[in-house]
Amino acid sequence: MAEPNLTIRLGTPDDIHAIMELMELGTEENALVEPNPVKILHEVYSALCKDHGLVGVITSDPERIEGVVVLRITQLAYSDHDVLEEKIVFIHPEYRSAKGGRALKLCRFSKRVADELGIPLLIGVLSNKRTAGKIRMYEREFGQPAGAFFLYGAHTGGWKSNANADMEQAEECQLAPG
């Protein structure tokens, strides 16, 4: 099978609906706690408007965004110097096993943006799903990690199962004679 003709371009405000669909899928897999769609919309829309950030989208079909990286220019708590912070690299599940290396291409895009801006890139893997493979890809692209994250009392995507359990319990209470 031939390699797909992948294009990475800057996202625009016209992409907001497609990107928000990807954000919903991304938070279902990777959020530690229940996401707030309004906060996500604000973060993404600001980046789409190039307000202290930008969004890279990858596609092989101009009608469908297959993956996204949200990058924000921010400052760390201890410094006045800017850094480029990756908020999410997410590939739609339908395209993860497809040829083309979409996640890797978005990582390389992120490095190019950091180089063009002349600021460090803060990027990483915070996931309990397919973690080892993601880390290997990041190590090949970025070198040795600068630390590690540990979660206590949570796991990525766990909010969804907790929310579903709470919903089931609430439904049981409503159905109980009383």
C-alpha atoms as a PDB file:
ATOM      1  CA  MET A   1       0.000   0.000   0.000  1.00  0.00           C
ATOM      2  CA  ALA A   2       1.310   3.446  -0.925  1.00  0.00           C
ATOM      3  CA  GLU A   3       2.169   6.035   1.686  1.00  0.00           C
ATOM      4  CA  PRO A   4      -0.673   8.517   2.149  1.00  0.00           C
ATOM      5  CA  ASN A   5      -0.188  12.079   0.987  1.00  0.00           C
ATOM      6  CA  LEU A   6      -0.139  13.675   4.440  1.00  0.00           C
ATOM      7  CA  THR A   7      -0.298  17.418   4.934  1.00  0.00           C
ATOM      8  CA  ILE A   8       0.353  19.337   8.130  1.00  0.00           C
ATOM      9  CA  ARG A   9      -1.063  22.816   8.207  1.00  0.00           C
ATOM     10  CA  LEU A  10      -1.915  25.447  10.777  1.00  0.00           C
ATOM     11  CA  GLY A  11      -5.405  25.075  12.133  1.00  0.00           C
ATOM     12  CA  THR A  12      -7.809  27.974  11.719  1.00  0.00           C
ATOM     13  CA  PRO A  13     -10.961  28.961  13.608  1.00  0.00           C
ATOM     14  CA  ASP A  14     -12.935  27.223  10.834  1.00  0.00           C
ATOM     15  CA  ASP A  15     -11.498  23.908  12.133  1.00  0.00           C
ATOM     16  CA  ILE A  16     -12.923  24.322  15.633  1.00  0.00           C
ATOM     17  CA  HIS A  17     -15.708  21.721  15.353  1.00  0.00           C
ATOM     18  CA  ALA A  18     -13.489  18.972  13.936  1.00  0.00           C
ATOM     19  CA  ILE A  19     -10.776  19.709  16.489  1.00  0.00           C
ATOM     20  CA  MET A  20     -13.235  19.728  19.380  1.00  0.00           C
ATOM     21  CA  GLU A  21     -14.399  16.257  18.294  1.00  0.00           C
ATOM     22  CA  LEU A  22     -10.787  15.103  18.545  1.00  0.00           C
ATOM     23  CA  MET A  23     -10.434  16.817  21.920  1.00  0.00           C
ATOM     24  CA  GLU A  24     -13.457  14.897  23.202  1.00  0.00           C
ATOM     25  CA  LEU A  25     -11.899  11.602  22.095  1.00  0.00           C
ATOM     26  CA  GLY A  26      -8.558  12.660  23.562  1.00  0.00           C
ATOM     27  CA  THR A  27      -9.993  13.489  26.961  1.00  0.00           C
ATOM     28  CA  GLU A  28     -11.929  10.215  27.041  1.00  0.00           C
ATOM     29  CA  GLU A  29      -8.597   8.405  26.699  1.00  0.00           C
ATOM     30  CA  ASN A  30      -6.210  10.621  28.602  1.00  0.00           C
ATOM     31  CA  ALA A  31      -7.874  13.062  31.002  1.00  0.00           C
ATOM     32  CA  LEU A  32      -7.150  12.506  34.695  1.00  0.00           C
ATOM     33  CA  VAL A  33     -10.403  14.086  35.858  1.00  0.00           C
ATOM     34  CA  GLU A  34     -13.655  15.036  34.187  1.00  0.00           C
ATOM     35  CA  PRO A  35     -12.927  17.575  31.449  1.00  0.00           C
ATOM     36  CA  ASN A  36     -14.621  20.946  31.137  1.00  0.00           C
ATOM     37  CA  PRO A  37     -15.560  21.471  27.455  1.00  0.00           C
ATOM     38  CA  VAL A  38     -15.706  25.256  27.896  1.00  0.00           C
ATOM     39  CA  LYS A  39     -12.126  25.354  29.177  1.00  0.00           C
ATOM     40  CA  ILE A  40     -10.980  23.110  26.341  1.00  0.00           C
ATOM     41  CA  LEU A  41     -12.796  25.308  23.806  1.00  0.00           C
ATOM     42  CA  HIS A  42     -11.111  28.428  25.202  1.00  0.00           C
ATOM     43  CA  GLU A  43      -7.658  26.811  25.093  1.00  0.00           C
ATOM     44  CA  VAL A  44      -8.100  25.468  21.565  1.00  0.00           C
ATOM     45  CA  TYR A  45      -9.830  28.535  20.109  1.00  0.00           C
ATOM     46  CA  SER A  46      -7.149  30.858  21.489  1.00  0.00           C
ATOM     47  CA  ALA A  47      -4.474  28.711  19.835  1.00  0.00           C
ATOM     48  CA  LEU A  48      -6.444  28.600  16.571  1.00  0.00           C
ATOM     49  CA  CYS A  49      -6.495  32.417  16.643  1.00  0.00           C
ATOM     50  CA  LYS A  50      -2.714  32.367  17.264  1.00  0.00           C
ATOM     51  CA  ASP A  51      -3.161  33.993  20.663  1.00  0.00           C
ATOM     52  CA  HIS A  52      -0.107  32.652  22.531  1.00  0.00           C
ATOM     53  CA  GLY A  53      -0.165  29.418  20.586  1.00  0.00           C
ATOM     54  CA  LEU A  54      -1.131  27.528  17.492  1.00  0.00           C
ATOM     55  CA  VAL A  55      -2.669  24.272  16.362  1.00  0.00           C
ATOM     56  CA  GLY A  56      -1.136  21.901  13.857  1.00  0.00           C
ATOM     57  CA  VAL A  57      -3.487  19.554  12.025  1.00  0.00           C
ATOM     58  CA  ILE A  58      -2.594  16.558   9.885  1.00  0.00           C
ATOM     59  CA  THR A  59      -4.717  15.167   7.092  1.00  0.00           C
ATOM     60  CA  SER A  60      -4.587  13.089   3.956  1.00  0.00           C
ATOM     61  CA  ASP A  61      -8.031  14.359   2.957  1.00  0.00           C
ATOM     62  CA  PRO A  62      -8.779  18.101   3.153  1.00  0.00           C
ATOM     63  CA  GLU A  63     -12.272  17.250   4.407  1.00  0.00           C
ATOM     64  CA  ARG A  64     -11.107  15.370   7.510  1.00  0.00           C
ATOM     65  CA  ILE A  65      -8.629  16.228  10.261  1.00  0.00           C
ATOM     66  CA  GLU A  66      -6.887  12.992  11.276  1.00  0.00           C
ATOM     67  CA  GLY A  67      -4.710  14.316  14.069  1.00  0.00           C
ATOM     68  CA  VAL A  68      -3.883  17.447  15.986  1.00  0.00           C
ATOM     69  CA  VAL A  69      -1.251  19.058  18.165  1.00  0.00           C
ATOM     70  CA  VAL A  70      -2.151  22.023  20.365  1.00  0.00           C
ATOM     71  CA  LEU A  71       0.848  24.188  21.266  1.00  0.00           C
ATOM     72  CA  ARG A  72       0.741  27.100  23.689  1.00  0.00           C
ATOM     73  CA  ILE A  73       3.363  29.712  24.463  1.00  0.00           C
ATOM     74  CA  THR A  74       3.543  30.009  28.215  1.00  0.00           C
ATOM     75  CA  GLN A  75       5.912  30.659  31.090  1.00  0.00           C
ATOM     76  CA  LEU A  76       6.891  28.241  33.800  1.00  0.00           C
ATOM     77  CA  ALA A  77       6.005  29.165  37.371  1.00  0.00           C
ATOM     78  CA  TYR A  78       9.609  30.099  38.192  1.00  0.00           C
ATOM     79  CA  SER A  79      10.608  32.126  35.115  1.00  0.00           C
ATOM     80  CA  ASP A  80       9.740  35.034  32.863  1.00  0.00           C
ATOM     81  CA  HIS A  81      11.046  33.169  29.786  1.00  0.00           C
ATOM     82  CA  ASP A  82       8.641  31.681  27.263  1.00  0.00           C
ATOM     83  CA  VAL A  83       8.400  27.980  26.496  1.00  0.00           C
ATOM     84  CA  LEU A  84       6.326  26.151  23.912  1.00  0.00           C
ATOM     85  CA  GLU A  85       4.077  23.742  25.782  1.00  0.00           C
ATOM     86  CA  GLU A  86       2.383  20.866  24.010  1.00  0.00           C
ATOM     87  CA  LYS A  87      -1.118  20.443  25.405  1.00  0.00           C
ATOM     88  CA  ILE A  88      -2.040  17.395  23.333  1.00  0.00           C
ATOM     89  CA  VAL A  89      -0.865  15.321  20.421  1.00  0.00           C
ATOM     90  CA  PHE A  90      -3.807  13.196  19.388  1.00  0.00           C
ATOM     91  CA  ILE A  91      -4.429  10.973  16.389  1.00  0.00           C
ATOM     92  CA  HIS A  92      -7.957   9.792  15.663  1.00  0.00           C
ATOM     93  CA  PRO A  93      -8.134   6.052  16.476  1.00  0.00           C
ATOM     94  CA  GLU A  94      -9.032   5.219  12.850  1.00  0.00           C
ATOM     95  CA  TYR A  95      -5.630   6.502  11.698  1.00  0.00           C
ATOM     96  CA  ARG A  96      -3.280   5.193  14.385  1.00  0.00           C
ATOM     97  CA  SER A  97      -2.338   2.031  12.532  1.00  0.00           C
ATOM     98  CA  ALA A  98      -2.407   3.678   9.106  1.00  0.00           C
ATOM     99  CA  LYS A  99       0.843   4.249   7.256  1.00  0.00           C
ATOM    100  CA  GLY A 100       2.431   7.644   7.512  1.00  0.00           C
ATOM    101  CA  GLY A 101       3.481   8.103  11.152  1.00  0.00           C
ATOM    102  CA  ARG A 102       1.045  10.904  11.941  1.00  0.00           C
ATOM    103  CA  ALA A 103       2.031  11.303  15.607  1.00  0.00           C
ATOM    104  CA  LEU A 104       5.722  11.418  14.712  1.00  0.00           C
ATOM    105  CA  LYS A 105       5.053  14.033  12.033  1.00  0.00           C
ATOM    106  CA  LEU A 106       3.166  16.197  14.556  1.00  0.00           C
ATOM    107  CA  CYS A 107       6.072  15.858  17.004  1.00  0.00           C
ATOM    108  CA  ARG A 108       8.487  16.984  14.292  1.00  0.00           C
ATOM    109  CA  PHE A 109       6.149  19.866  13.457  1.00  0.00           C
ATOM    110  CA  SER A 110       6.267  20.871  17.143  1.00  0.00           C
ATOM    111  CA  LYS A 111      10.082  20.830  17.109  1.00  0.00           C
ATOM    112  CA  ARG A 112      10.113  22.985  13.980  1.00  0.00           C
ATOM    113  CA  VAL A 113       7.780  25.529  15.611  1.00  0.00           C
ATOM    114  CA  ALA A 114       9.996  25.657  18.723  1.00  0.00           C
ATOM    115  CA  ASP A 115      13.081  26.139  16.527  1.00  0.00           C
ATOM    116  CA  GLU A 116      11.409  28.924  14.532  1.00  0.00           C
ATOM    117  CA  LEU A 117      10.298  30.670  17.737  1.00  0.00           C
ATOM    118  CA  GLY A 118      13.678  30.100  19.383  1.00  0.00           C
ATOM    119  CA  ILE A 119      12.139  28.747  22.592  1.00  0.00           C
ATOM    120  CA  PRO A 120      12.271  25.351  24.325  1.00  0.00           C
ATOM    121  CA  LEU A 121       9.569  22.767  23.666  1.00  0.00           C
ATOM    122  CA  LEU A 122       7.948  21.015  26.640  1.00  0.00           C
ATOM    123  CA  ILE A 123       6.355  17.828  25.307  1.00  0.00           C
ATOM    124  CA  GLY A 124       5.630  14.429  26.768  1.00  0.00           C
ATOM    125  CA  VAL A 125       3.492  11.374  27.296  1.00  0.00           C
ATOM    126  CA  LEU A 126       0.883  11.330  30.056  1.00  0.00           C
ATOM    127  CA  SER A 127      -1.119   8.209  29.355  1.00  0.00           C
ATOM    128  CA  ASN A 128      -1.799   4.766  30.773  1.00  0.00           C
ATOM    129  CA  LYS A 129      -2.694   3.370  27.327  1.00  0.00           C
ATOM    130  CA  ARG A 130      -0.048   2.149  24.879  1.00  0.00           C
ATOM    131  CA  THR A 131       2.446   4.088  27.001  1.00  0.00           C
ATOM    132  CA  ALA A 132       5.604   2.094  26.259  1.00  0.00           C
ATOM    133  CA  GLY A 133       5.275   2.516  22.489  1.00  0.00           C
ATOM    134  CA  LYS A 134       4.614   6.232  22.814  1.00  0.00           C
ATOM    135  CA  ILE A 135       7.638   6.671  25.069  1.00  0.00           C
ATOM    136  CA  ARG A 136       9.872   4.781  22.623  1.00  0.00           C
ATOM    137  CA  MET A 137       8.739   7.063  19.782  1.00  0.00           C
ATOM    138  CA  TYR A 138       9.368  10.185  21.895  1.00  0.00           C
ATOM    139  CA  GLU A 139      12.808   8.925  22.965  1.00  0.00           C
ATOM    140  CA  ARG A 140      13.758   8.291  19.333  1.00  0.00           C
ATOM    141  CA  GLU A 141      12.624  11.784  18.355  1.00  0.00           C
ATOM    142  CA  PHE A 142      13.573  13.874  21.412  1.00  0.00           C
ATOM    143  CA  GLY A 143      16.272  11.869  23.210  1.00  0.00           C
ATOM    144  CA  GLN A 144      16.278  10.835  26.841  1.00  0.00           C
ATOM    145  CA  PRO A 145      13.344  12.062  28.938  1.00  0.00           C
ATOM    146  CA  ALA A 146      13.874  14.805  31.493  1.00  0.00           C
ATOM    147  CA  GLY A 147      11.894  13.014  34.192  1.00  0.00           C
ATOM    148  CA  ALA A 148       8.667  11.101  34.585  1.00  0.00           C
ATOM    149  CA  PHE A 149       5.095  11.616  35.745  1.00  0.00           C
ATOM    150  CA  PHE A 150       3.459   9.457  38.382  1.00  0.00           C
ATOM    151  CA  LEU A 151      -0.228   9.341  39.195  1.00  0.00           C
ATOM    152  CA  TYR A 152      -1.597   8.506  42.593  1.00  0.00           C
ATOM    153  CA  GLY A 153      -5.313   7.978  42.992  1.00  0.00           C
ATOM    154  CA  ALA A 154      -6.025   8.309  39.280  1.00  0.00           C
ATOM    155  CA  HIS A 155      -5.233   6.918  35.864  1.00  0.00           C
ATOM    156  CA  THR A 156      -5.657   8.540  32.499  1.00  0.00           C
ATOM    157  CA  GLY A 157      -9.138   8.061  31.103  1.00  0.00           C
ATOM    158  CA  GLY A 158     -10.298   6.855  34.527  1.00  0.00           C
ATOM    159  CA  TRP A 159     -12.679   9.774  34.985  1.00  0.00           C
ATOM    160  CA  LYS A 160     -14.879   8.297  32.231  1.00  0.00           C
ATOM    161  CA  SER A 161     -15.397   4.955  33.985  1.00  0.00           C
ATOM    162  CA  ASN A 162     -15.972   6.782  37.293  1.00  0.00           C
ATOM    163  CA  ALA A 163     -18.523   9.081  35.642  1.00  0.00           C
ATOM    164  CA  ASN A 164     -20.294   6.088  34.073  1.00  0.00           C
ATOM    165  CA  ALA A 165     -20.416   4.305  37.449  1.00  0.00           C
ATOM    166  CA  ASP A 166     -21.819   7.443  39.101  1.00  0.00           C
ATOM    167  CA  MET A 167     -24.467   7.707  36.352  1.00  0.00           C
ATOM    168  CA  GLU A 168     -25.471   4.062  36.799  1.00  0.00           C
ATOM    169  CA  GLN A 169     -25.714   4.531  40.557  1.00  0.00           C
ATOM    170  CA  ALA A 170     -27.864   7.647  40.098  1.00  0.00           C
ATOM    171  CA  GLU A 171     -30.157   5.772  37.693  1.00  0.00           C
ATOM    172  CA  GLU A 172     -30.495   2.917  40.194  1.00  0.00           C
ATOM    173  CA  CYS A 173     -31.492   5.392  42.899  1.00  0.00           C
ATOM    174  CA  GLN A 174     -34.108   6.958  40.643  1.00  0.00           C
ATOM    175  CA  LEU A 175     -35.546   3.558  39.761  1.00  0.00           C
ATOM    176  CA  ALA A 176     -35.646   2.301  43.340  1.00  0.00           C
ATOM    177  CA  PRO A 177     -39.078   2.379  44.951  1.00  0.00           C
ATOM    178  CA  GLY A 178     -39.134   4.882  47.627  1.00  0.00           C
END
